[in-house]
């Protein structure tokens, strides 16, 4: 029996297509309240930028040089985290990203892990900046080098 060829537009869920093709959250914020950057073993990189109040994430954006699956996962993280209380954003997991997208190929699950890892780093940086606001200014002058060096953590669950 011949296997049918995968049709990207017809075989992916509406959520996957929306997250993969939408570009409105793909922008860099130059003075974020929280920043996280991760590079996966595949070579894709995701940067997450958070803006917020003391306890609420008001805006999330991202930048990536990755594939369409990485873009979809980063966009989903932005979609799910925006407007959430800071503590609730920690509940976003790679499994929740894959569940939301519905048709993320299992071979691309590492893209969800990468996106959530960058989010966790951004949340940690957000917390750090809230405790010591002067660090936010210092990090911006050093082009995020301090935070992005943390991005080489290989296991999302240990972040």
Protein backbone atom coordinates (compact mmCIF):
# COMPACT_ATOMS: atom_id res chain seq x y z
CA UNK A 1 0.00 0.00 0.00
CA UNK A 2 1.38 3.37 -1.03
CA UNK A 3 1.59 6.00 1.71
CA UNK A 4 0.00 9.32 0.78
CA UNK A 5 2.25 12.35 0.63
CA UNK A 6 1.89 14.76 3.58
CA UNK A 7 0.02 17.92 2.62
CA UNK A 8 1.22 20.70 4.93
CA UNK A 9 -1.89 22.90 4.71
CA UNK A 10 -4.46 20.11 4.80
CA UNK A 11 -2.83 17.74 7.27
CA UNK A 12 -1.87 20.21 10.03
CA UNK A 13 -4.33 21.51 12.62
CA UNK A 14 -5.63 25.06 12.47
CA UNK A 15 -3.70 25.85 15.68
CA UNK A 16 -0.46 24.59 14.18
CA UNK A 17 -0.95 26.60 11.00
CA UNK A 18 -1.83 29.77 12.92
CA UNK A 19 1.23 29.49 15.15
CA UNK A 20 3.56 28.47 12.32
CA UNK A 21 2.54 31.26 9.96
CA UNK A 22 1.75 34.17 12.30
CA UNK A 23 4.52 36.76 12.59
CA UNK A 24 2.95 39.31 14.96
CA UNK A 25 4.86 38.08 18.05
CA UNK A 26 8.15 37.68 16.23
CA UNK A 27 10.00 40.81 17.28
CA UNK A 28 12.87 41.73 19.55
CA UNK A 29 12.31 43.96 22.58
CA UNK A 30 15.39 46.01 23.44
CA UNK A 31 14.67 46.57 27.11
CA UNK A 32 12.73 43.49 28.27
CA UNK A 33 11.79 42.72 31.84
CA UNK A 34 12.78 39.11 31.19
CA UNK A 35 14.98 37.51 28.54
CA UNK A 36 15.89 33.91 27.76
CA UNK A 37 17.81 32.32 24.92
CA UNK A 38 18.34 28.65 24.08
CA UNK A 39 20.04 26.89 21.23
CA UNK A 40 19.13 23.28 20.58
CA UNK A 41 21.31 20.44 19.39
CA UNK A 42 19.66 20.89 15.98
CA UNK A 43 21.17 24.40 15.78
CA UNK A 44 17.88 26.30 16.11
CA UNK A 45 17.88 29.24 18.53
CA UNK A 46 14.92 30.83 20.29
CA UNK A 47 14.96 34.10 22.21
CA UNK A 48 11.99 35.00 24.44
CA UNK A 49 11.33 38.59 25.54
CA UNK A 50 8.93 39.33 28.43
CA UNK A 51 7.37 42.57 29.57
CA UNK A 52 5.19 42.79 32.65
CA UNK A 53 4.13 44.18 35.95
CA UNK A 54 5.12 42.77 39.32
CA UNK A 55 3.02 39.64 38.91
CA UNK A 56 1.63 39.56 35.35
CA UNK A 57 3.20 39.00 31.94
CA UNK A 58 1.74 41.75 29.77
CA UNK A 59 3.65 41.09 26.54
CA UNK A 60 5.66 38.21 25.09
CA UNK A 61 7.63 38.22 21.89
CA UNK A 62 10.25 35.95 20.39
CA UNK A 63 12.93 35.67 17.77
CA UNK A 64 14.14 32.48 16.15
CA UNK A 65 16.37 31.32 13.35
CA UNK A 66 14.79 27.88 13.40
CA UNK A 67 12.52 25.76 11.27
CA UNK A 68 8.76 26.18 10.97
CA UNK A 69 8.18 23.74 13.85
CA UNK A 70 10.44 25.83 16.09
CA UNK A 71 8.58 28.97 15.02
CA UNK A 72 5.23 27.34 15.81
CA UNK A 73 6.43 26.27 19.26
CA UNK A 74 7.92 29.69 20.12
CA UNK A 75 4.75 31.42 18.96
CA UNK A 76 2.65 29.05 21.06
CA UNK A 77 4.75 29.84 24.14
CA UNK A 78 4.13 33.55 23.50
CA UNK A 79 0.41 32.94 22.99
CA UNK A 80 0.00 30.84 26.15
CA UNK A 81 2.17 33.03 28.43
CA UNK A 82 0.87 36.48 27.53
CA UNK A 83 -1.58 37.87 30.08
CA UNK A 84 -0.83 35.13 32.61
CA UNK A 85 0.27 35.68 36.19
CA UNK A 86 4.01 35.11 36.36
CA UNK A 87 3.69 31.99 38.52
CA UNK A 88 1.19 30.37 36.13
CA UNK A 89 3.61 30.71 33.21
CA UNK A 90 5.86 28.15 34.91
CA UNK A 91 3.09 25.60 34.23
CA UNK A 92 3.66 25.80 30.46
CA UNK A 93 5.41 22.57 29.46
CA UNK A 94 6.61 21.06 26.19
CA UNK A 95 3.69 18.62 26.44
CA UNK A 96 1.21 21.51 26.66
CA UNK A 97 2.81 23.10 23.59
CA UNK A 98 2.49 19.87 21.59
CA UNK A 99 -1.09 19.39 22.84
CA UNK A 100 -2.06 22.92 21.78
CA UNK A 101 -0.51 22.52 18.32
CA UNK A 102 -2.16 19.09 17.90
CA UNK A 103 -0.07 18.08 14.87
CA UNK A 104 3.52 18.80 15.94
CA UNK A 105 5.43 15.80 14.56
CA UNK A 106 6.78 13.64 17.39
CA UNK A 107 10.22 13.85 15.76
CA UNK A 108 10.04 17.63 16.34
CA UNK A 109 9.10 17.53 20.03
CA UNK A 110 12.55 18.93 20.81
CA UNK A 111 11.30 22.25 19.32
CA UNK A 112 8.71 22.46 22.11
CA UNK A 113 11.41 21.67 24.68
CA UNK A 114 13.60 24.41 23.21
CA UNK A 115 10.81 27.01 23.33
CA UNK A 116 9.80 26.17 26.89
CA UNK A 117 13.46 26.19 27.98
CA UNK A 118 13.86 29.73 26.61
CA UNK A 119 10.64 30.73 28.43
CA UNK A 120 11.91 29.33 31.73
CA UNK A 121 15.15 31.29 31.34
CA UNK A 122 13.15 34.45 30.59
CA UNK A 123 10.95 33.86 33.65
CA UNK A 124 14.03 33.39 35.84
CA UNK A 125 15.55 36.58 34.42
CA UNK A 126 12.24 38.42 34.99
CA UNK A 127 12.33 37.38 38.67
CA UNK A 128 16.00 38.33 39.00
CA UNK A 129 15.36 41.77 37.47
CA UNK A 130 12.38 42.36 39.77
CA UNK A 131 14.54 41.68 42.83
CA UNK A 132 17.46 43.80 41.63
CA UNK A 133 16.31 46.29 38.94
CA UNK A 134 19.85 47.55 38.35
CA UNK A 135 20.69 44.17 36.81
CA UNK A 136 18.23 44.81 33.98
CA UNK A 137 20.24 47.85 32.92
CA UNK A 138 23.51 45.96 33.24
CA UNK A 139 22.27 43.03 31.15
CA UNK A 140 21.09 45.34 28.39
CA UNK A 141 24.50 47.01 28.17
CA UNK A 142 26.18 43.62 27.86
CA UNK A 143 23.82 42.52 25.07
CA UNK A 144 22.28 39.76 27.16
CA UNK A 145 25.56 37.82 27.29
CA UNK A 146 25.05 36.80 30.91
CA UNK A 147 21.61 35.30 30.33
CA UNK A 148 22.37 33.72 26.96
CA UNK A 149 25.33 31.85 28.44
CA UNK A 150 22.83 29.98 30.62
CA UNK A 151 21.12 28.80 27.43
CA UNK A 152 23.46 25.86 26.97
CA UNK A 153 21.57 23.84 29.57
CA UNK A 154 20.75 20.55 27.87
CA UNK A 155 17.81 19.40 29.97
CA UNK A 156 14.73 21.67 30.13
CA UNK A 157 13.45 20.02 33.29
CA UNK A 158 16.57 21.02 35.23
CA UNK A 159 16.19 24.73 34.34
